[in-house]
């Protein structure tokens, strides 16, 4: 049953990937995070208890599974230590079960200060980041001035690196953003206290994963955020700072593409996004309130109310192509239970101003949205409870028709359907590990 499976989001994140990874991990030996930082929030409900993970892969909830954090991530040492302590307080052992790549980059306090200062300065053109320092940390990585996990092994060199980088940050914070400077001693002392603890988890991630594949072990690669937040393929500039699409698996772990056997995209049956940015199918009436209340649509990392809207098939098809999806998982089906009618965006209508643009050449960006309106197909609601159903045949007829219509429009199979937040509230049509 050995197989490598990628689980990633097809929307703007918050699709319910954490639950699906947790559900599939029962059949896995390793779960690997390959990008993003503690701006992600994967909420799990196990035995009626809510656990929110930000950096540790969701597979940690299963005792025999190894959780791996790859080089493509950015790690907040303070947040990581707190998360591990939280898990252990909930009787979830992390010792010898969390591996970290030495090449992963660190998020430090000056990244957070810069993130917040920029958002404050931008005013009307604010991006709407989580304020966790993710962007500045990735900038340092690309600029080759970042602090890596392996830097914790030599505190003397670490101190010099922090001093050098802080000169760069403090000059901007004080002279341009009019914020307070940061004392390098505070950063260094905090790192020095957690260095040995973090270094005890460091492993050669590419070698471990290569050996696991050779030994026919099963691996799940867990994505953070979603396709539409990818820095290259998302709704730029309202995106995250990493590649949340399937390419991030290879660059973020050192595992080559030929070893990816099955790629599962996760999509809500409607759409949400946190923060600013284009959202063509967004709703603002009582339907928005309905999605917010019924779907509990508050960000698990920021607590901000998520914007809501109807499912956009055009964007879903884009995610399918970019990620070479094998199949789709639909989540939150039960949220639609009380709606009289359900809309699906099946295409876009271009105004006469944009008539010269061929649909195949259309790029989804802020600059192109003014002359586009969504074309909807309306389906009847089923007005019956689907909550907790675990077999497709027991779904209401109209719910089956809704799912089948989506499958017809996207051209790939829907293998899994989530009917509630708990691990066992799941319909499996085809199990990824058993195909």
Protein backbone atom coordinates (compact mmCIF):
# COMPACT_ATOMS: atom_id res chain seq x y z
CA UNK A 1 0.00 0.00 0.00
CA UNK A 2 3.04 2.26 -0.27
CA UNK A 3 2.27 5.55 -1.99
CA UNK A 4 3.15 9.22 -1.88
CA UNK A 5 0.14 11.51 -1.73
CA UNK A 6 0.00 15.29 -1.94
CA UNK A 7 -2.90 17.08 -0.24
CA UNK A 8 -3.20 20.74 -1.20
CA UNK A 9 -5.78 23.50 -1.34
CA UNK A 10 -7.43 24.59 -4.59
CA UNK A 11 -8.83 27.90 -3.29
CA UNK A 12 -7.53 30.68 -1.00
CA UNK A 13 -6.74 28.29 1.84
CA UNK A 14 -9.06 27.28 4.69
CA UNK A 15 -10.45 24.40 2.60
CA UNK A 16 -10.22 21.85 5.42
CA UNK A 17 -6.91 20.24 4.41
CA UNK A 18 -5.94 19.56 8.02
CA UNK A 19 -8.89 17.28 8.61
CA UNK A 20 -8.31 15.39 5.36
CA UNK A 21 -4.61 14.90 6.10
CA UNK A 22 -5.48 13.73 9.60
CA UNK A 23 -8.07 11.32 8.15
CA UNK A 24 -5.65 9.85 5.59
CA UNK A 25 -2.71 9.65 7.99
CA UNK A 26 -4.07 6.44 9.49
CA UNK A 27 -2.58 4.75 6.42
CA UNK A 28 0.67 6.73 6.34
CA UNK A 29 4.16 6.54 7.82
CA UNK A 30 5.23 10.16 7.25
CA UNK A 31 3.41 13.49 6.91
CA UNK A 32 5.48 16.34 5.48
CA UNK A 33 4.96 20.12 5.43
CA UNK A 34 6.78 21.62 2.45
CA UNK A 35 6.02 25.37 2.49
CA UNK A 36 4.51 28.23 4.49
CA UNK A 37 4.87 29.06 8.14
CA UNK A 38 2.73 29.65 11.19
CA UNK A 39 0.37 31.77 9.06
CA UNK A 40 -1.33 28.46 8.28
CA UNK A 41 -3.98 27.12 10.62
CA UNK A 42 -5.09 23.50 10.34
CA UNK A 43 -8.01 22.76 12.65
CA UNK A 44 -8.62 19.16 13.75
CA UNK A 45 -11.52 17.77 15.75
CA UNK A 46 -10.53 14.49 17.40
CA UNK A 47 -12.71 12.87 20.06
CA UNK A 48 -14.73 16.11 20.14
CA UNK A 49 -11.61 18.07 21.05
CA UNK A 50 -10.38 20.96 18.91
CA UNK A 51 -6.66 21.12 18.09
CA UNK A 52 -5.25 23.92 15.91
CA UNK A 53 -1.85 23.31 14.32
CA UNK A 54 0.21 26.03 12.66
CA UNK A 55 3.59 24.48 11.91
CA UNK A 56 3.51 20.83 12.97
CA UNK A 57 2.02 18.58 10.24
CA UNK A 58 -1.45 17.27 10.99
CA UNK A 59 -0.19 13.68 11.07
CA UNK A 60 1.18 14.22 14.57
CA UNK A 61 -2.22 13.16 15.93
CA UNK A 62 -1.43 9.55 14.96
CA UNK A 63 1.07 7.91 17.33
CA UNK A 64 3.11 5.93 14.79
CA UNK A 65 3.50 8.70 12.23
CA UNK A 66 6.60 10.86 11.76
CA UNK A 67 5.90 14.56 11.13
CA UNK A 68 8.46 16.33 8.93
CA UNK A 69 9.00 20.06 8.36
CA UNK A 70 10.82 20.63 5.08
CA UNK A 71 13.33 23.22 3.89
CA UNK A 72 10.66 25.17 2.00
CA UNK A 73 9.02 26.31 5.22
CA UNK A 74 9.75 29.31 7.42
CA UNK A 75 9.73 28.49 11.12
CA UNK A 76 8.97 30.68 14.10
CA UNK A 77 11.05 29.12 16.92
CA UNK A 78 8.84 30.66 19.62
CA UNK A 79 5.65 29.46 17.96
CA UNK A 80 7.11 26.00 17.29
CA UNK A 81 8.11 25.45 20.92
CA UNK A 82 4.68 26.63 22.14
CA UNK A 83 2.93 24.32 19.69
CA UNK A 84 4.92 21.30 20.81
CA UNK A 85 4.21 22.11 24.47
CA UNK A 86 0.50 22.46 23.65
CA UNK A 87 0.48 19.03 21.98
CA UNK A 88 2.31 17.38 24.85
CA UNK A 89 -0.11 18.99 27.31
CA UNK A 90 -2.82 17.18 25.35
CA UNK A 91 -0.96 13.86 25.72
CA UNK A 92 0.32 13.91 22.13
CA UNK A 93 3.97 12.85 22.24
CA UNK A 94 6.33 14.75 19.92
CA UNK A 95 9.66 13.29 21.06
CA UNK A 96 11.46 11.55 18.17
CA UNK A 97 8.38 12.14 16.02
CA UNK A 98 9.07 15.64 14.63
CA UNK A 99 11.90 16.07 12.12
CA UNK A 100 13.05 19.48 10.87
CA UNK A 101 15.21 20.27 7.86
CA UNK A 102 18.37 22.22 8.80
CA UNK A 103 17.78 24.33 5.67
CA UNK A 104 14.42 25.71 6.83
CA UNK A 105 14.51 29.47 7.43
CA UNK A 106 13.66 31.18 10.72
CA UNK A 107 11.01 33.82 11.35
CA UNK A 108 12.27 36.26 13.96
CA UNK A 109 10.80 39.28 15.74
CA UNK A 110 12.23 41.77 13.27
CA UNK A 111 10.33 40.02 10.45
CA UNK A 112 7.10 40.48 12.37
CA UNK A 113 7.89 44.15 13.10
CA UNK A 114 8.59 44.79 9.42
CA UNK A 115 5.43 42.96 8.35
CA UNK A 116 3.26 45.06 10.68
CA UNK A 117 5.06 48.32 9.82
CA UNK A 118 4.46 47.80 6.11
CA UNK A 119 0.79 47.06 6.54
CA UNK A 120 0.45 50.20 8.65
CA UNK A 121 2.30 52.30 6.08
CA UNK A 122 0.39 50.99 3.06
CA UNK A 123 -2.97 52.23 4.37
CA UNK A 124 -5.44 51.99 1.47
CA UNK A 125 -3.43 49.46 -0.53
CA UNK A 126 -2.79 47.13 2.38
CA UNK A 127 -2.28 43.48 1.40
CA UNK A 128 -3.98 42.06 4.50
CA UNK A 129 -1.21 39.74 5.71
CA UNK A 130 -1.49 37.68 8.87
CA UNK A 131 1.21 39.83 10.49
CA UNK A 132 3.31 36.74 11.26
CA UNK A 133 6.44 37.93 9.42
CA UNK A 134 6.11 35.37 6.63
CA UNK A 135 6.86 37.70 3.71
CA UNK A 136 9.97 39.34 5.21
CA UNK A 137 11.33 35.91 6.23
CA UNK A 138 11.00 34.62 2.67
CA UNK A 139 12.55 37.86 1.37
CA UNK A 140 15.60 37.24 3.55
CA UNK A 141 15.83 33.71 2.18
CA UNK A 142 15.83 34.94 -1.41
CA UNK A 143 18.19 37.82 -0.55
CA UNK A 144 20.56 35.27 1.05
CA UNK A 145 20.64 37.02 4.40
CA UNK A 146 18.21 34.71 6.19
CA UNK A 147 18.92 32.83 9.41
CA UNK A 148 18.59 29.06 8.94
CA UNK A 149 17.92 26.28 11.41
CA UNK A 150 21.51 25.10 11.04
CA UNK A 151 22.75 28.52 12.25
CA UNK A 152 21.55 27.56 15.73
CA UNK A 153 24.45 25.12 15.98
CA UNK A 154 27.07 27.88 16.27
CA UNK A 155 25.92 30.62 18.62
CA UNK A 156 28.96 32.84 17.99
CA UNK A 157 28.32 32.91 14.25
CA UNK A 158 24.59 33.26 14.91
CA UNK A 159 25.18 36.40 16.99
CA UNK A 160 27.19 38.01 14.18
CA UNK A 161 24.54 37.15 11.59
CA UNK A 162 21.75 38.61 13.71
CA UNK A 163 23.72 41.83 14.26
CA UNK A 164 24.31 42.21 10.55
CA UNK A 165 20.70 41.59 9.56
CA UNK A 166 19.34 43.83 12.32
CA UNK A 167 21.42 46.76 11.08
CA UNK A 168 19.55 46.39 7.79
CA UNK A 169 16.13 46.10 9.45
CA UNK A 170 16.59 48.77 12.10
CA UNK A 171 17.65 51.35 9.53
CA UNK A 172 14.36 50.83 7.68
CA UNK A 173 12.18 50.54 10.78
CA UNK A 174 13.52 53.75 12.34
CA UNK A 175 14.22 55.98 9.33
CA UNK A 176 11.41 55.03 6.96
CA UNK A 177 8.64 53.46 9.02
CA UNK A 178 9.26 55.59 12.14
CA UNK A 179 9.10 52.53 14.38
CA UNK A 180 11.31 51.51 17.31
CA UNK A 181 14.61 49.72 16.73
CA UNK A 182 15.11 46.15 17.93
CA UNK A 183 17.96 45.07 20.22
CA UNK A 184 19.86 42.12 18.76
CA UNK A 185 20.42 40.76 22.29
CA UNK A 186 16.70 40.10 22.70
CA UNK A 187 16.60 38.07 19.47
CA UNK A 188 19.82 36.22 20.23
CA UNK A 189 18.95 35.33 23.84
CA UNK A 190 15.58 33.96 22.80
CA UNK A 191 17.18 31.77 20.13
CA UNK A 192 19.95 30.62 22.45
CA UNK A 193 17.37 29.33 24.94
CA UNK A 194 15.57 27.17 22.38
CA UNK A 195 18.54 26.22 20.15
CA UNK A 196 19.37 22.82 21.65
CA UNK A 197 15.69 21.82 21.80
CA UNK A 198 15.16 22.67 18.13
CA UNK A 199 18.47 21.13 16.99
CA UNK A 200 17.46 17.83 18.62
CA UNK A 201 14.78 17.54 15.92
CA UNK A 202 17.05 18.30 12.95
CA UNK A 203 17.39 15.55 10.34
CA UNK A 204 18.53 15.19 6.73
CA UNK A 205 15.03 15.40 5.29
CA UNK A 206 15.72 14.55 1.61
CA UNK A 207 17.70 11.44 2.61
CA UNK A 208 15.05 10.30 5.10
CA UNK A 209 12.26 10.70 2.55
CA UNK A 210 14.27 9.07 -0.23
CA UNK A 211 14.96 6.07 2.01
CA UNK A 212 11.27 5.94 3.01
CA UNK A 213 10.24 5.81 -0.65
CA UNK A 214 12.87 3.15 -1.38
CA UNK A 215 11.60 1.13 1.61
CA UNK A 216 8.04 1.41 0.29
CA UNK A 217 6.78 3.59 3.12
CA UNK A 218 3.69 5.78 2.66
CA UNK A 219 4.08 9.56 2.70
CA UNK A 220 1.59 12.43 2.73
CA UNK A 221 2.78 15.88 1.69
CA UNK A 222 0.62 18.49 3.40
CA UNK A 223 0.19 21.88 1.75
CA UNK A 224 -0.52 25.14 3.55
CA UNK A 225 -2.65 28.00 2.19
CA UNK A 226 -4.09 27.25 -1.28
CA UNK A 227 -3.45 27.41 -5.02
CA UNK A 228 -4.94 30.90 -5.41
CA UNK A 229 -2.48 32.19 -2.80
CA UNK A 230 0.58 30.83 -4.63
CA UNK A 231 3.15 33.60 -5.12
CA UNK A 232 3.47 32.76 -8.84
CA UNK A 233 0.02 31.47 -9.78
CA UNK A 234 -2.29 33.17 -7.30
CA UNK A 235 -4.20 36.46 -7.27
CA UNK A 236 -1.05 38.56 -7.01
CA UNK A 237 -0.23 40.70 -5.03
CA UNK A 238 -2.82 39.34 -2.60
CA UNK A 239 -0.95 36.08 -2.16
CA UNK A 240 1.34 34.32 0.28
CA UNK A 241 5.13 34.35 -0.16
CA UNK A 242 5.71 30.71 -1.10
CA UNK A 243 4.66 28.19 -3.72
CA UNK A 244 1.54 26.56 -2.32
CA UNK A 245 1.03 24.63 -5.57
CA UNK A 246 2.40 21.16 -6.23
CA UNK A 247 5.82 22.40 -7.39
CA UNK A 248 6.49 23.48 -3.82
CA UNK A 249 6.61 19.82 -2.77
CA UNK A 250 9.78 19.16 -4.76
CA UNK A 251 11.61 22.39 -3.98
CA UNK A 252 10.45 22.35 -0.35
CA UNK A 253 11.51 18.79 0.51
CA UNK A 254 14.04 17.55 -2.04
CA UNK A 255 11.72 14.81 -3.30
CA UNK A 256 11.63 14.58 -7.11
CA UNK A 257 8.36 14.81 -9.10
CA UNK A 258 8.44 11.21 -10.33
CA UNK A 259 7.87 10.10 -6.74
CA UNK A 260 4.49 11.87 -6.42
CA UNK A 261 1.89 9.16 -7.03
CA UNK A 262 -1.42 10.88 -6.29
CA UNK A 263 -2.32 14.57 -5.94
CA UNK A 264 -5.53 15.39 -4.06
CA UNK A 265 -6.99 18.87 -4.30
CA UNK A 266 -9.23 20.04 -1.46
CA UNK A 267 -12.11 22.43 -2.15
CA UNK A 268 -15.00 23.74 -0.13
CA UNK A 269 -18.39 23.42 -1.81
CA UNK A 270 -18.45 27.22 -1.67
CA UNK A 271 -15.52 29.66 -1.44
CA UNK A 272 -13.90 31.80 1.23
CA UNK A 273 -10.88 34.02 1.60
CA UNK A 274 -9.30 35.93 4.47
CA UNK A 275 -8.01 39.42 3.84
CA UNK A 276 -8.10 41.52 0.73
CA UNK A 277 -7.90 40.63 -2.96
CA UNK A 278 -10.18 39.80 -5.90
CA UNK A 279 -13.15 37.50 -5.31
CA UNK A 280 -15.53 37.40 -8.28
CA UNK A 281 -18.23 35.19 -6.74
CA UNK A 282 -18.27 36.92 -3.35
CA UNK A 283 -21.67 37.44 -1.73
CA UNK A 284 -22.68 40.30 0.54
CA UNK A 285 -26.30 39.58 1.46
CA UNK A 286 -27.95 37.13 3.84
CA UNK A 287 -26.11 34.29 2.09
CA UNK A 288 -22.83 35.71 3.41
CA UNK A 289 -24.25 35.69 6.95
CA UNK A 290 -25.50 32.15 6.40
CA UNK A 291 -22.08 30.88 5.27
CA UNK A 292 -20.38 32.72 8.14
CA UNK A 293 -22.63 31.27 10.82
CA UNK A 294 -23.31 27.80 9.41
CA UNK A 295 -19.74 27.31 8.21
CA UNK A 296 -18.07 28.94 11.23
CA UNK A 297 -16.03 31.06 8.84
CA UNK A 298 -13.46 32.74 11.06
CA UNK A 299 -9.75 32.41 10.29
CA UNK A 300 -8.05 29.81 12.51
CA UNK A 301 -4.83 31.85 12.53
CA UNK A 302 -6.08 35.45 12.57
CA UNK A 303 -9.63 35.09 13.90
CA UNK A 304 -10.76 37.40 11.10
CA UNK A 305 -14.14 36.87 9.47
CA UNK A 306 -13.71 35.14 6.13
CA UNK A 307 -15.30 36.59 3.02
CA UNK A 308 -17.65 34.08 1.38
CA UNK A 309 -19.02 33.32 -2.07
CA UNK A 310 -20.22 30.68 -4.49
CA UNK A 311 -18.01 27.94 -5.90
CA UNK A 312 -16.01 29.16 -8.93
CA UNK A 313 -15.48 26.35 -11.44
CA UNK A 314 -13.23 28.51 -13.64
CA UNK A 315 -10.71 28.90 -10.82
CA UNK A 316 -11.12 25.28 -9.78
CA UNK A 317 -10.22 24.14 -13.31
CA UNK A 318 -7.16 26.38 -13.14
CA UNK A 319 -6.09 24.69 -9.90
CA UNK A 320 -6.61 21.26 -11.46
CA UNK A 321 -4.35 22.11 -14.41
CA UNK A 322 -1.59 23.81 -12.41
CA UNK A 323 -1.36 20.99 -9.87
CA UNK A 324 -2.03 18.02 -12.19
CA UNK A 325 -4.69 16.89 -9.72
CA UNK A 326 -5.54 13.21 -9.63
CA UNK A 327 -8.82 13.80 -7.83
CA UNK A 328 -10.77 16.27 -5.71
CA UNK A 329 -12.00 16.26 -2.13
CA UNK A 330 -15.09 18.37 -1.38
CA UNK A 331 -15.49 19.71 2.15
CA UNK A 332 -18.30 21.30 4.16
CA UNK A 333 -21.11 19.74 2.15
CA UNK A 334 -23.33 19.92 5.24
CA UNK A 335 -23.08 23.73 5.26
CA UNK A 336 -25.34 23.81 2.17
CA UNK A 337 -28.08 21.72 3.79
CA UNK A 338 -30.51 24.57 4.50
CA UNK A 339 -30.23 26.53 1.23
CA UNK A 340 -33.19 26.58 -1.16
CA UNK A 341 -30.93 27.03 -4.16
CA UNK A 342 -27.20 26.78 -4.76
CA UNK A 343 -25.21 28.65 -7.38
CA UNK A 344 -22.09 27.53 -9.22
CA UNK A 345 -20.01 29.88 -11.36
CA UNK A 346 -19.48 27.93 -14.58
CA UNK A 347 -17.89 30.66 -16.74
CA UNK A 348 -17.01 34.36 -16.99
CA UNK A 349 -18.62 37.01 -19.18
CA UNK A 350 -16.22 39.55 -20.67
CA UNK A 351 -17.47 43.08 -21.37
CA UNK A 352 -17.08 44.70 -24.80
CA UNK A 353 -14.02 46.57 -23.49
CA UNK A 354 -12.28 43.26 -23.01
CA UNK A 355 -13.62 41.58 -26.14
CA UNK A 356 -10.15 41.42 -27.67
CA UNK A 357 -8.97 39.05 -24.90
CA UNK A 358 -9.25 35.38 -25.76
CA UNK A 359 -10.46 33.28 -22.86
CA UNK A 360 -7.46 30.99 -23.12
CA UNK A 361 -5.19 34.04 -22.74
CA UNK A 362 -7.06 35.47 -19.75
CA UNK A 363 -4.95 35.97 -16.63
CA UNK A 364 -6.84 36.30 -13.36
CA UNK A 365 -5.50 39.49 -11.79
CA UNK A 366 -6.71 42.67 -10.14
CA UNK A 367 -6.27 44.58 -13.42
CA UNK A 368 -8.60 42.34 -15.44
CA UNK A 369 -11.54 42.00 -13.07
CA UNK A 370 -13.39 45.24 -13.70
CA UNK A 371 -14.82 44.03 -17.00
CA UNK A 372 -15.74 40.50 -15.97
CA UNK A 373 -18.87 39.08 -14.38
CA UNK A 374 -19.48 35.48 -13.33
CA UNK A 375 -22.02 33.31 -15.16
CA UNK A 376 -23.98 31.17 -12.71
CA UNK A 377 -25.81 27.89 -12.95
CA UNK A 378 -28.45 27.49 -10.24
CA UNK A 379 -29.21 24.12 -8.70
CA UNK A 380 -31.96 23.26 -6.21
CA UNK A 381 -31.01 22.73 -2.57
CA UNK A 382 -31.87 19.47 -0.84
CA UNK A 383 -33.13 20.82 2.50
CA UNK A 384 -32.07 17.64 4.28
CA UNK A 385 -29.22 17.00 6.68
CA UNK A 386 -26.05 15.52 5.26
CA UNK A 387 -24.11 16.03 8.49
CA UNK A 388 -22.09 12.98 9.49
CA UNK A 389 -23.11 10.81 6.52
CA UNK A 390 -20.31 8.38 5.64
CA UNK A 391 -21.72 6.62 2.57
CA UNK A 392 -22.45 8.34 -0.74
CA UNK A 393 -25.60 6.30 -1.35
CA UNK A 394 -27.23 7.75 1.78
CA UNK A 395 -26.92 11.36 0.59
CA UNK A 396 -30.10 13.17 -0.53
CA UNK A 397 -30.75 12.79 -4.26
CA UNK A 398 -30.28 16.51 -4.93
CA UNK A 399 -26.99 16.52 -3.01
CA UNK A 400 -25.78 13.67 -5.23
CA UNK A 401 -26.83 15.63 -8.31
CA UNK A 402 -24.93 18.69 -7.06
CA UNK A 403 -21.76 16.65 -6.51
CA UNK A 404 -22.10 14.87 -9.84
CA UNK A 405 -22.57 18.20 -11.62
CA UNK A 406 -19.33 19.53 -10.13
CA UNK A 407 -17.53 16.36 -11.18
CA UNK A 408 -18.94 16.74 -14.69
CA UNK A 409 -17.72 20.35 -14.89
CA UNK A 410 -14.19 19.74 -13.61
CA UNK A 411 -13.37 16.53 -15.48
CA UNK A 412 -11.67 14.65 -12.63
CA UNK A 413 -13.16 12.31 -10.03
CA UNK A 414 -14.35 13.43 -6.61
CA UNK A 415 -12.86 10.80 -4.33
CA UNK A 416 -13.64 12.17 -0.85
CA UNK A 417 -16.49 14.25 0.60
CA UNK A 418 -16.42 15.78 4.07
CA UNK A 419 -19.76 16.03 5.85
CA UNK A 420 -18.57 17.50 9.14
CA UNK A 421 -15.46 18.63 11.05
CA UNK A 422 -14.68 15.33 12.78
CA UNK A 423 -12.35 12.71 11.36
CA UNK A 424 -15.10 10.13 10.99
CA UNK A 425 -17.57 12.45 9.23
CA UNK A 426 -16.19 11.56 5.82
CA UNK A 427 -17.42 9.83 2.67
CA UNK A 428 -14.75 7.88 0.79
CA UNK A 429 -15.65 7.04 -2.78
CA UNK A 430 -12.10 5.98 -3.70
CA UNK A 431 -9.41 5.79 -1.04
CA UNK A 432 -6.14 7.37 -2.27
CA UNK A 433 -4.03 4.67 -0.62
CA UNK A 434 -6.13 1.82 -2.05
CA UNK A 435 -6.43 2.73 -5.71
